[in-house]
Structures are given as C-alpha cells and as structure tokens.
C-alpha cells in the first residue's frame, strides 16, 4: 500500500466572532454591501485608548468595528510584526433580525503562504 503524499493545506480556520461595535462605527452604512463570503480587512490600532490589542475590521474605507477584546491578542501580535498577509477574513453569516451587535459574523483563516 502506497503512503499518501503530505499535501499542505491552503488555509485553516483560526477564529470566528461577531464584530464588536458594529452599530457604533460604519457597520449600519455598510450593511447592504455585506454578504456571506465578502472579504474584509484587519487594521491594527496600537494607540487605541480602550484596548492596547485593538484590531479594527474594515470593508474598503468603512470601519465596521473591531475584533472582540478576547479574540484579538494573538492576531494583534502578528499584525504588529507586519504579517497582515497571513490572514483571510470573510463574512461568515448575516442575520438582519438579530441585535445589531450580532448581525454580522466573521471568520478568520490563516493562509499557507506557499499556496494561492
């Protein structure tokens, strides 16, 4: 019997969360532009007065809110190292009937840098 080749994966699930502060930033303005699978960006905010590990979630120039405080510590460290290209961030779920802070769920993957 022949052994299977060890094939590297393209990406792995790291975390998922609801966007914190969605209703206080540009979330309501961007809501109609969001759909499952929409790609989002992470932007480190090291000078944030409320959270030293703050990482904002953006759709283009629209700030949707933040990675929740309990989820952002490790991601902020890698962003501080300039490794923002290791993450793929996408809308995982849209729930318009939920409380505004629970309307958009996001999933974060870590990408294999050797794969497209």
N, C-alpha and C. Protein backbone atom coordinates (compact mmCIF):
# COMPACT_ATOMS: atom_id res chain seq x y z
N UNK A 1 0.84 -1.17 0.00
CA UNK A 1 0.00 0.00 0.00
C UNK A 1 0.89 1.24 0.00
N UNK A 2 0.60 2.17 -0.89
CA UNK A 2 1.39 3.38 -1.04
C UNK A 2 0.94 4.45 -0.04
N UNK A 3 1.92 5.10 0.61
CA UNK A 3 1.60 6.17 1.57
C UNK A 3 1.07 7.40 0.85
N UNK A 4 0.13 8.08 1.48
CA UNK A 4 -0.41 9.32 0.91
C UNK A 4 0.64 10.42 0.98
N UNK A 5 0.65 11.26 -0.03
CA UNK A 5 1.53 12.42 -0.02
C UNK A 5 1.06 13.41 1.03
N UNK A 6 2.01 14.07 1.66
CA UNK A 6 1.67 15.10 2.62
C UNK A 6 1.43 16.40 1.86
N UNK A 7 0.17 16.77 1.67
CA UNK A 7 -0.19 17.97 0.92
C UNK A 7 -0.49 19.12 1.88
N UNK A 8 0.20 20.25 1.69
CA UNK A 8 -0.11 21.39 2.56
C UNK A 8 -1.49 21.95 2.25
N UNK A 9 -2.16 22.38 3.30
CA UNK A 9 -3.49 22.97 3.12
C UNK A 9 -3.35 24.44 2.73
N UNK A 10 -4.37 24.98 2.04
CA UNK A 10 -4.34 26.37 1.60
C UNK A 10 -4.62 27.33 2.74
N UNK A 11 -5.53 26.96 3.64
CA UNK A 11 -5.86 27.82 4.77
C UNK A 11 -6.50 26.98 5.86
N UNK A 12 -6.40 27.48 7.09
CA UNK A 12 -7.03 26.82 8.23
C UNK A 12 -7.81 27.85 9.04
N UNK A 13 -8.89 27.40 9.63
CA UNK A 13 -9.74 28.25 10.47
C UNK A 13 -8.95 28.65 11.72
N UNK A 14 -8.94 29.94 12.02
CA UNK A 14 -8.30 30.43 13.23
C UNK A 14 -9.33 30.80 14.29
N UNK A 15 -10.30 31.62 13.90
CA UNK A 15 -11.32 32.07 14.86
C UNK A 15 -12.53 32.61 14.11
N UNK A 16 -13.60 32.77 14.81
CA UNK A 16 -14.77 33.47 14.28
C UNK A 16 -15.40 34.26 15.42
N UNK A 17 -16.11 35.33 15.05
CA UNK A 17 -16.65 36.24 16.05
C UNK A 17 -17.68 37.16 15.41
N UNK A 18 -18.45 37.85 16.26
CA UNK A 18 -19.31 38.95 15.82
C UNK A 18 -18.47 40.22 15.93
N UNK A 19 -18.68 41.15 15.04
CA UNK A 19 -17.91 42.39 15.03
C UNK A 19 -18.34 43.28 16.20
N UNK A 20 -17.40 43.58 17.08
CA UNK A 20 -17.69 44.43 18.24
C UNK A 20 -17.82 45.88 17.80
N UNK A 21 -18.84 46.56 18.29
CA UNK A 21 -19.06 47.95 17.97
C UNK A 21 -19.65 48.19 16.59
N UNK A 22 -20.20 47.15 15.98
CA UNK A 22 -20.74 47.24 14.62
C UNK A 22 -21.73 48.40 14.47
N UNK A 23 -22.60 48.58 15.43
CA UNK A 23 -23.63 49.62 15.32
C UNK A 23 -23.10 51.02 15.65
N UNK A 24 -21.88 51.12 16.18
CA UNK A 24 -21.31 52.42 16.56
C UNK A 24 -20.39 53.00 15.50
N UNK A 25 -19.92 52.18 14.58
CA UNK A 25 -18.99 52.64 13.55
C UNK A 25 -19.74 52.71 12.22
N UNK A 26 -19.15 52.24 11.14
CA UNK A 26 -19.78 52.33 9.82
C UNK A 26 -20.57 51.08 9.46
N UNK A 27 -20.77 50.17 10.41
CA UNK A 27 -21.49 48.93 10.14
C UNK A 27 -22.86 49.13 9.51
N UNK A 28 -23.70 49.97 10.11
CA UNK A 28 -25.03 50.17 9.51
C UNK A 28 -24.96 50.73 8.09
N UNK A 29 -23.99 51.60 7.83
CA UNK A 29 -23.84 52.16 6.48
C UNK A 29 -23.40 51.09 5.47
N UNK A 30 -22.61 50.13 5.93
CA UNK A 30 -22.06 49.10 5.04
C UNK A 30 -22.94 47.85 4.95
N UNK A 31 -23.95 47.75 5.80
CA UNK A 31 -24.70 46.50 5.93
C UNK A 31 -25.20 45.95 4.59
N UNK A 32 -25.75 46.80 3.74
CA UNK A 32 -26.29 46.33 2.46
C UNK A 32 -25.21 45.86 1.49
N UNK A 33 -23.96 46.20 1.74
CA UNK A 33 -22.85 45.77 0.89
C UNK A 33 -22.27 44.43 1.33
N UNK A 34 -22.66 43.97 2.50
CA UNK A 34 -22.11 42.73 3.04
C UNK A 34 -22.94 41.54 2.63
N UNK A 35 -22.27 40.45 2.31
CA UNK A 35 -22.92 39.17 2.06
C UNK A 35 -21.96 38.08 2.50
N UNK A 36 -22.46 36.88 2.66
CA UNK A 36 -21.61 35.77 3.07
C UNK A 36 -20.49 35.63 2.04
N UNK A 37 -19.27 35.58 2.54
CA UNK A 37 -18.10 35.45 1.68
C UNK A 37 -17.40 36.75 1.36
N UNK A 38 -18.02 37.90 1.68
CA UNK A 38 -17.38 39.19 1.43
C UNK A 38 -16.04 39.24 2.16
N UNK A 39 -15.02 39.66 1.45
CA UNK A 39 -13.69 39.75 2.05
C UNK A 39 -13.55 41.06 2.82
N UNK A 40 -12.96 40.98 4.00
CA UNK A 40 -12.76 42.12 4.88
C UNK A 40 -11.28 42.27 5.20
N UNK A 41 -10.90 43.42 5.75
CA UNK A 41 -9.52 43.69 6.09
C UNK A 41 -9.39 43.95 7.59
N UNK A 42 -8.21 43.61 8.12
CA UNK A 42 -7.89 43.89 9.51
C UNK A 42 -6.87 45.02 9.56
N UNK A 43 -7.09 45.97 10.46
CA UNK A 43 -6.17 47.09 10.63
C UNK A 43 -5.86 47.23 12.11
N UNK A 44 -4.59 47.15 12.43
CA UNK A 44 -4.14 47.26 13.82
C UNK A 44 -4.27 48.71 14.29
N UNK A 45 -4.75 48.88 15.53
CA UNK A 45 -4.86 50.20 16.16
C UNK A 45 -4.09 50.19 17.48
N UNK A 46 -2.76 50.24 17.43
CA UNK A 46 -1.96 50.12 18.65
C UNK A 46 -2.15 51.27 19.63
N UNK A 47 -2.62 52.41 19.16
CA UNK A 47 -2.81 53.56 20.04
C UNK A 47 -4.25 53.70 20.55
N UNK A 48 -5.06 52.67 20.35
CA UNK A 48 -6.45 52.69 20.81
C UNK A 48 -6.47 52.86 22.33
N UNK A 49 -7.17 53.88 22.82
CA UNK A 49 -7.17 54.18 24.25
C UNK A 49 -7.95 53.17 25.10
N UNK A 50 -8.80 52.37 24.47
CA UNK A 50 -9.63 51.43 25.21
C UNK A 50 -9.07 50.01 25.22
N UNK A 51 -8.21 49.69 24.24
CA UNK A 51 -7.69 48.33 24.13
C UNK A 51 -6.33 48.35 23.45
N UNK A 52 -5.26 48.01 24.16
CA UNK A 52 -3.92 48.05 23.55
C UNK A 52 -3.73 47.01 22.45
N UNK A 53 -4.62 46.03 22.34
CA UNK A 53 -4.53 45.00 21.31
C UNK A 53 -5.60 45.18 20.23
N UNK A 54 -6.14 46.37 20.11
CA UNK A 54 -7.27 46.63 19.20
C UNK A 54 -6.92 46.34 17.75
N UNK A 55 -7.85 45.63 17.09
CA UNK A 55 -7.75 45.34 15.66
C UNK A 55 -9.11 45.67 15.06
N UNK A 56 -9.13 46.65 14.16
CA UNK A 56 -10.37 47.07 13.51
C UNK A 56 -10.64 46.18 12.29
N UNK A 57 -11.92 46.05 11.96
CA UNK A 57 -12.37 45.29 10.79
C UNK A 57 -12.94 46.29 9.79
N UNK A 58 -12.45 46.23 8.55
CA UNK A 58 -12.85 47.19 7.51
C UNK A 58 -13.43 46.48 6.29
N UNK A 59 -14.34 47.19 5.64
CA UNK A 59 -14.79 46.87 4.29
C UNK A 59 -14.40 48.09 3.46
N UNK A 60 -13.33 47.98 2.69
CA UNK A 60 -12.81 49.14 1.98
C UNK A 60 -12.43 50.21 2.98
N UNK A 61 -13.00 51.42 2.82
CA UNK A 61 -12.71 52.52 3.73
C UNK A 61 -13.67 52.60 4.91
N UNK A 62 -14.62 51.68 4.96
CA UNK A 62 -15.63 51.69 6.02
C UNK A 62 -15.18 50.83 7.21
N UNK A 63 -15.10 51.46 8.36
CA UNK A 63 -14.73 50.75 9.59
C UNK A 63 -15.98 50.11 10.16
N UNK A 64 -16.01 48.79 10.18
CA UNK A 64 -17.18 48.06 10.65
C UNK A 64 -17.21 47.90 12.16
N UNK A 65 -16.06 47.94 12.79
CA UNK A 65 -15.95 47.73 14.23
C UNK A 65 -14.63 47.05 14.53
N UNK A 66 -14.64 46.16 15.52
CA UNK A 66 -13.40 45.56 16.00
C UNK A 66 -13.53 44.05 16.21
N UNK A 67 -12.38 43.40 16.21
CA UNK A 67 -12.32 42.02 16.73
C UNK A 67 -12.59 42.16 18.23
N UNK A 68 -13.46 41.33 18.79
CA UNK A 68 -13.74 41.44 20.23
C UNK A 68 -12.46 41.30 21.07
N UNK A 69 -12.45 41.98 22.18
CA UNK A 69 -11.28 42.04 23.06
C UNK A 69 -10.69 40.65 23.38
N UNK A 70 -11.48 39.69 23.64
CA UNK A 70 -10.97 38.36 24.00
C UNK A 70 -10.40 37.57 22.83
N UNK A 71 -10.60 38.06 21.63
CA UNK A 71 -10.15 37.34 20.42
C UNK A 71 -8.96 37.99 19.72
N UNK A 72 -8.54 39.19 20.17
CA UNK A 72 -7.61 39.98 19.37
C UNK A 72 -6.14 39.93 19.76
N UNK A 73 -5.83 39.37 20.90
CA UNK A 73 -4.47 39.43 21.43
C UNK A 73 -3.44 38.83 20.47
N UNK A 74 -3.62 37.59 20.08
CA UNK A 74 -2.64 36.93 19.20
C UNK A 74 -2.61 37.57 17.82
N UNK A 75 -3.77 37.86 17.27
CA UNK A 75 -3.83 38.47 15.93
C UNK A 75 -3.09 39.80 15.94
N UNK A 76 -3.26 40.61 16.99
CA UNK A 76 -2.59 41.90 17.05
C UNK A 76 -1.08 41.75 17.05
N UNK A 77 -0.56 40.73 17.70
CA UNK A 77 0.90 40.50 17.72
C UNK A 77 1.43 40.23 16.31
N UNK A 78 0.74 39.40 15.56
CA UNK A 78 1.19 39.10 14.20
C UNK A 78 1.05 40.31 13.28
N UNK A 79 0.01 41.10 13.47
CA UNK A 79 -0.13 42.32 12.68
C UNK A 79 0.99 43.31 13.02
N UNK A 80 1.37 43.38 14.30
CA UNK A 80 2.48 44.24 14.71
C UNK A 80 3.79 43.82 14.03
N UNK A 81 3.92 42.54 13.72
CA UNK A 81 5.11 42.03 13.05
C UNK A 81 5.05 42.25 11.54
N UNK A 82 3.96 42.84 11.05
CA UNK A 82 3.82 43.07 9.62
C UNK A 82 3.31 41.88 8.84
N UNK A 83 2.73 40.92 9.53
CA UNK A 83 2.27 39.68 8.89
C UNK A 83 0.78 39.74 8.55
N UNK A 84 0.30 40.88 8.08
CA UNK A 84 -1.12 41.02 7.76
C UNK A 84 -1.55 40.17 6.58
N UNK A 85 -0.61 39.73 5.74
CA UNK A 85 -0.96 38.93 4.57
C UNK A 85 -1.20 37.46 4.90
N UNK A 86 -1.04 37.06 6.16
CA UNK A 86 -1.29 35.66 6.51
C UNK A 86 -2.77 35.40 6.79
N UNK A 87 -3.56 36.47 6.92
CA UNK A 87 -4.96 36.32 7.27
C UNK A 87 -5.88 36.48 6.06
N UNK A 88 -6.90 35.67 6.05
CA UNK A 88 -8.02 35.86 5.12
C UNK A 88 -9.26 36.02 5.99
N UNK A 89 -9.94 37.13 5.83
CA UNK A 89 -11.07 37.48 6.69
C UNK A 89 -12.31 37.62 5.82
N UNK A 90 -13.37 36.91 6.17
CA UNK A 90 -14.59 36.92 5.36
C UNK A 90 -15.83 36.97 6.24
N UNK A 91 -16.90 37.51 5.68
CA UNK A 91 -18.19 37.47 6.35
C UNK A 91 -18.65 36.01 6.36
N UNK A 92 -19.01 35.53 7.53
CA UNK A 92 -19.43 34.13 7.68
C UNK A 92 -20.95 34.00 7.72
N UNK A 93 -21.62 35.01 8.33
CA UNK A 93 -23.07 34.93 8.48
C UNK A 93 -23.63 36.34 8.59
N UNK A 94 -24.80 36.54 7.98
CA UNK A 94 -25.55 37.79 8.08
C UNK A 94 -26.91 37.45 8.70
N UNK A 95 -27.24 38.14 9.79
CA UNK A 95 -28.51 37.91 10.48
C UNK A 95 -29.19 39.24 10.74
N UNK A 96 -29.94 39.78 9.75
CA UNK A 96 -30.53 41.11 9.89
C UNK A 96 -31.53 41.25 11.03
N UNK A 97 -32.12 40.16 11.49
CA UNK A 97 -33.12 40.23 12.55
C UNK A 97 -32.53 40.16 13.96
N UNK A 98 -31.23 39.95 14.05
CA UNK A 98 -30.55 39.88 15.35
C UNK A 98 -30.29 41.29 15.90
N UNK A 99 -29.88 41.36 17.15
CA UNK A 99 -29.40 42.62 17.73
C UNK A 99 -28.25 43.12 16.86
N UNK A 100 -28.13 44.44 16.63
CA UNK A 100 -27.10 44.96 15.73
C UNK A 100 -25.68 44.44 16.00
N UNK A 101 -25.35 44.19 17.26
CA UNK A 101 -24.01 43.70 17.57
C UNK A 101 -23.82 42.23 17.20
N UNK A 102 -24.89 41.55 16.83
CA UNK A 102 -24.81 40.13 16.45
C UNK A 102 -25.24 39.89 15.01
N UNK A 103 -25.35 40.94 14.21
CA UNK A 103 -25.85 40.78 12.85
C UNK A 103 -24.82 40.21 11.88
N UNK A 104 -23.55 40.45 12.13
CA UNK A 104 -22.51 40.02 11.18
C UNK A 104 -21.49 39.16 11.91
N UNK A 105 -21.36 37.92 11.46
CA UNK A 105 -20.33 37.02 11.98
C UNK A 105 -19.20 36.95 10.96
N UNK A 106 -17.98 36.93 11.47
CA UNK A 106 -16.78 36.94 10.65
C UNK A 106 -15.96 35.70 10.95
N UNK A 107 -15.30 35.18 9.93
CA UNK A 107 -14.38 34.07 10.11
C UNK A 107 -12.99 34.51 9.67
N UNK A 108 -11.98 34.10 10.43
CA UNK A 108 -10.59 34.43 10.11
C UNK A 108 -9.86 33.12 9.85
N UNK A 109 -9.19 33.07 8.70
CA UNK A 109 -8.35 31.94 8.34
C UNK A 109 -6.89 32.39 8.37
N UNK A 110 -5.99 31.44 8.62
CA UNK A 110 -4.56 31.65 8.40
C UNK A 110 -4.23 30.95 7.10
N UNK A 111 -3.60 31.71 6.20
CA UNK A 111 -3.30 31.20 4.86
C UNK A 111 -1.89 30.62 4.81
N UNK A 112 -1.75 29.55 4.03
CA UNK A 112 -0.45 28.99 3.71
C UNK A 112 0.19 29.91 2.67
N UNK A 113 1.32 30.46 2.96
CA UNK A 113 1.96 31.43 2.07
C UNK A 113 2.53 30.78 0.81
N UNK A 114 2.55 29.45 0.73
CA UNK A 114 3.05 28.75 -0.45
C UNK A 114 1.94 28.38 -1.41
N UNK A 115 0.70 28.71 -1.07
CA UNK A 115 -0.46 28.35 -1.90
C UNK A 115 -1.24 29.60 -2.27
N UNK A 116 -1.94 29.57 -3.39
CA UNK A 116 -2.80 30.68 -3.80
C UNK A 116 -4.07 30.67 -2.99
